[in-house]
Amino acid sequence: MRRSAETPLRGWGIASIAKRFLLALFLGLVLSAAAQPARLIVIRHAEKPEDARDARLSEEGRQRAQRLVKWLAQGKALGTNGPPAALFAARPTPKGRSLRCVETLEPTARHLGIAIRAPYEAEDYQRLAWLVLRDGSLQGKNVVICWTHSELPELAEALGVKPKPSKWKDGDFESAYLITFPGGKATLEKAKQKLKKT
C-alpha cells in the first residue's frame, strides 16, 4: 500500500495543535510557579539626611544598616528557610537616586559574602518582580529587596500581592513587607524591624 504524502502531518489538526499549545502553556506556568522564592523580605532604604541634595544615608541611616545585618541574616523575618540567597536593590541613577538602597544592604552583603544585585532603577519595579519570580536559582529561598518607598506598594502588587498595599508613609523606615507564596498565591504580612540600638 502506498503511503500518503500527508501521513507525517496526521494528528496535527487545529484541535491537536490547540491541545499541544495549552499543554505547553500549562507546563510553562507550572515551571514559573516552581521558581518562586520561599519568602521575600521587602524594605525601604534606611534614613536619609535632612539636606535633600545629599543622596547618601544619614548617620542614623548608616547605624540602621549595621543593625539590619542581624535582622536580615538571622532574624525571625527569615522564617525557616535560612539566610538570604540574594540581595536586590534599586540601581542608583547618575544623579544618585536610589544610592541609599544599595548603602542600606552593604553591611548585610559583606556579612553574607554575596553581591548586591541592582539590575533596574526604582521605576522598573515590574521588571524586577518578573526577574525575581522566574529566577530558578531563587526557588524556595529567602530574598531581600531594598527599594524606594514611593514604589513599594506597586512593587508588592507586581509580585502578585492583591489588593495593592496602601501608600508607604514618608517617615516610616521601620516597616517591612514579608511576602510568601502558599499554594502559589502571594500573601503579604506587614512587620516591624524593631532594631535595638547599640
Protein backbone atom coordinates (compact mmCIF):
# COMPACT_ATOMS: atom_id res chain seq x y z
CA MET A 1 0.00 0.00 0.00
CA ARG A 2 1.28 3.37 -0.98
CA ARG A 3 1.78 5.89 1.88
CA SER A 4 0.18 9.27 1.54
CA ALA A 5 2.44 12.30 1.42
CA GLU A 6 0.28 13.74 4.19
CA THR A 7 0.98 10.92 6.65
CA PRO A 8 3.68 12.81 8.65
CA LEU A 9 1.15 15.58 9.40
CA ARG A 10 -1.55 13.19 10.61
CA GLY A 11 -2.67 14.13 14.12
CA TRP A 12 -1.65 17.79 13.66
CA GLY A 13 -5.13 19.21 13.00
CA ILE A 14 -6.28 22.50 14.55
CA ALA A 15 -7.70 20.77 17.66
CA SER A 16 -4.47 18.81 18.16
CA ILE A 17 -2.30 21.93 17.79
CA ALA A 18 -4.53 23.80 20.27
CA LYS A 19 -4.20 20.96 22.80
CA ARG A 20 -0.42 20.93 22.46
CA PHE A 21 -0.29 24.73 22.84
CA LEU A 22 -2.42 24.62 26.01
CA LEU A 23 -0.25 21.83 27.43
CA ALA A 24 2.92 23.84 26.76
CA LEU A 25 1.32 26.92 28.32
CA PHE A 26 0.29 24.93 31.41
CA LEU A 27 3.77 23.46 31.79
CA GLY A 28 5.26 26.96 31.45
CA LEU A 29 3.00 28.26 34.21
CA VAL A 30 3.90 25.33 36.46
CA LEU A 31 7.61 25.93 35.90
CA SER A 32 7.18 29.66 36.60
CA ALA A 33 5.34 28.96 39.83
CA ALA A 34 8.01 26.45 40.84
CA ALA A 35 10.64 29.20 40.61
CA GLN A 36 9.02 31.29 43.35
CA PRO A 37 11.20 32.18 46.34
CA ALA A 38 10.11 30.89 49.74
CA ARG A 39 9.96 34.41 51.16
CA LEU A 40 10.60 37.96 50.03
CA ILE A 41 11.67 40.48 52.66
CA VAL A 42 10.96 43.89 51.19
CA ILE A 43 12.24 47.00 52.96
CA ARG A 44 12.73 50.68 52.36
CA HIS A 45 16.22 52.16 52.43
CA ALA A 46 17.40 53.49 55.80
CA GLU A 47 17.19 57.09 56.99
CA LYS A 48 18.24 59.98 54.77
CA PRO A 49 19.85 63.34 55.65
CA GLU A 50 17.80 66.50 56.04
CA ASP A 51 19.72 68.03 53.13
CA ALA A 52 17.74 66.86 50.07
CA ARG A 53 20.83 67.31 47.87
CA ASP A 54 22.69 64.57 49.79
CA ALA A 55 21.93 61.22 48.10
CA ARG A 56 23.62 59.11 50.78
CA LEU A 57 22.38 57.69 54.09
CA SER A 58 22.40 59.87 57.17
CA GLU A 59 24.41 58.81 60.23
CA GLU A 60 21.20 57.36 61.66
CA GLY A 61 20.67 55.51 58.40
CA ARG A 62 24.19 54.05 58.47
CA GLN A 63 23.57 52.82 62.00
CA ARG A 64 20.29 51.19 60.91
CA ALA A 65 22.10 49.50 58.02
CA GLN A 66 24.54 47.98 60.51
CA ARG A 67 21.74 46.81 62.82
CA LEU A 68 19.83 45.34 59.90
CA VAL A 69 22.53 42.69 59.44
CA LYS A 70 21.26 40.56 62.30
CA TRP A 71 17.60 41.08 61.40
CA LEU A 72 18.11 40.22 57.72
CA ALA A 73 20.68 37.45 58.15
CA GLN A 74 19.48 35.70 61.32
CA GLY A 75 16.17 37.22 62.45
CA LYS A 76 12.61 35.90 62.66
CA ALA A 77 11.77 37.61 59.37
CA LEU A 78 13.58 34.74 57.61
CA GLY A 79 11.23 32.02 58.77
CA THR A 80 12.81 28.57 58.43
CA ASN A 81 14.50 28.97 55.05
CA GLY A 82 17.95 30.09 56.11
CA PRO A 83 19.82 33.29 55.31
CA PRO A 84 19.01 35.26 52.14
CA ALA A 85 20.23 33.75 48.89
CA ALA A 86 20.05 37.11 47.12
CA LEU A 87 20.00 40.83 47.91
CA PHE A 88 18.33 43.16 45.41
CA ALA A 89 18.43 46.96 45.46
CA ALA A 90 17.21 49.68 43.14
CA ARG A 91 20.00 50.70 40.78
CA PRO A 92 21.36 54.18 41.55
CA THR A 93 20.84 56.79 38.86
CA PRO A 94 23.65 59.08 37.64
CA LYS A 95 22.23 61.78 39.95
CA GLY A 96 22.40 59.41 42.93
CA ARG A 97 18.74 58.46 43.33
CA SER A 98 18.42 55.03 44.98
CA LEU A 99 22.04 55.05 46.20
CA ARG A 100 20.63 54.68 49.73
CA CYS A 101 19.06 51.34 48.77
CA VAL A 102 22.49 49.91 47.96
CA GLU A 103 24.10 51.51 51.03
CA THR A 104 21.40 50.02 53.27
CA LEU A 105 22.27 46.48 52.15
CA GLU A 106 26.07 46.82 52.04
CA PRO A 107 26.74 45.65 55.64
CA THR A 108 24.45 42.63 55.14
CA ALA A 109 26.13 41.80 51.83
CA ARG A 110 29.56 41.86 53.49
CA HIS A 111 28.30 39.67 56.33
CA LEU A 112 26.78 37.10 53.96
CA GLY A 113 29.59 37.28 51.41
CA ILE A 114 27.23 37.87 48.49
CA ALA A 115 26.95 40.70 45.99
CA ILE A 116 24.08 43.15 45.85
CA ARG A 117 22.16 42.85 42.60
CA ALA A 118 20.89 46.18 41.24
CA PRO A 119 19.72 45.46 37.69
CA TYR A 120 16.91 48.04 37.49
CA GLU A 121 16.16 51.60 38.53
CA ALA A 122 13.34 52.23 41.01
CA GLU A 123 10.69 52.89 38.34
CA ASP A 124 11.40 49.47 36.78
CA TYR A 125 9.87 47.57 39.69
CA GLN A 126 7.78 45.43 37.31
CA ARG A 127 10.89 44.12 35.59
CA LEU A 128 12.44 43.30 38.96
CA ALA A 129 9.29 41.42 40.02
CA TRP A 130 9.34 39.42 36.78
CA LEU A 131 13.00 38.53 37.32
CA VAL A 132 12.64 37.52 40.97
CA LEU A 133 9.57 35.35 40.37
CA ARG A 134 11.16 33.47 37.46
CA ASP A 135 14.75 33.00 38.57
CA GLY A 136 15.07 29.28 39.22
CA SER A 137 18.15 29.80 41.40
CA LEU A 138 15.91 31.57 43.95
CA GLN A 139 13.32 28.81 44.18
CA GLY A 140 12.45 28.00 47.80
CA LYS A 141 14.93 30.55 49.17
CA ASN A 142 14.79 33.85 51.04
CA VAL A 143 15.34 37.02 49.05
CA VAL A 144 15.77 40.59 50.34
CA ILE A 145 14.68 43.60 48.28
CA CYS A 146 15.55 47.17 49.30
CA TRP A 147 13.67 49.79 47.29
CA THR A 148 12.49 53.40 47.35
CA HIS A 149 9.35 53.81 49.45
CA SER A 150 7.27 55.56 46.77
CA GLU A 151 7.33 52.42 44.58
CA LEU A 152 6.99 49.77 47.32
CA PRO A 153 3.19 49.26 47.11
CA GLU A 154 3.42 48.94 43.32
CA LEU A 155 6.34 46.52 43.65
CA ALA A 156 4.31 44.36 46.05
CA GLU A 157 1.43 44.36 43.56
CA ALA A 158 3.80 43.38 40.73
CA LEU A 159 4.98 40.48 42.92
CA GLY A 160 1.38 39.24 43.00
CA VAL A 161 0.01 40.83 46.19
CA LYS A 162 -3.70 41.67 45.98
CA PRO A 163 -5.04 44.15 46.81
CA LYS A 164 -2.16 46.59 46.41
CA PRO A 165 -0.91 47.78 49.83
CA SER A 166 -1.66 51.33 50.92
CA LYS A 167 0.84 54.14 50.41
CA TRP A 168 4.09 53.78 52.39
CA LYS A 169 4.38 56.70 54.82
CA ASP A 170 7.20 59.15 54.14
CA GLY A 171 8.71 58.94 57.64
CA ASP A 172 8.45 55.15 58.01
CA PHE A 173 11.83 53.40 58.00
CA GLU A 174 10.78 50.57 60.38
CA SER A 175 8.27 48.63 58.31
CA ALA A 176 8.80 45.64 56.07
CA TYR A 177 6.72 43.50 53.75
CA LEU A 178 7.09 39.75 54.23
CA ILE A 179 5.74 38.08 51.09
CA THR A 180 5.26 34.32 50.88
CA PHE A 181 3.58 32.11 48.27
CA PRO A 182 1.44 29.41 49.93
CA GLY A 183 -0.23 27.41 47.19
CA GLY A 184 1.45 29.66 44.62
CA LYS A 185 -0.53 32.75 45.74
CA ALA A 186 1.32 35.84 47.00
CA THR A 187 0.48 36.66 50.63
CA LEU A 188 1.72 39.80 52.38
CA GLU A 189 2.40 40.22 56.09
CA LYS A 190 3.48 43.62 57.42
CA ALA A 191 6.25 43.55 60.01
CA LYS A 192 8.33 45.99 62.05
CA GLN A 193 12.10 45.73 62.24
CA LYS A 194 12.25 46.78 65.93
CA LEU A 195 16.03 47.07 65.82
CA LYS A 196 17.80 47.60 69.13
CA LYS A 197 20.22 50.48 69.20
CA THR A 198 23.72 49.51 70.25
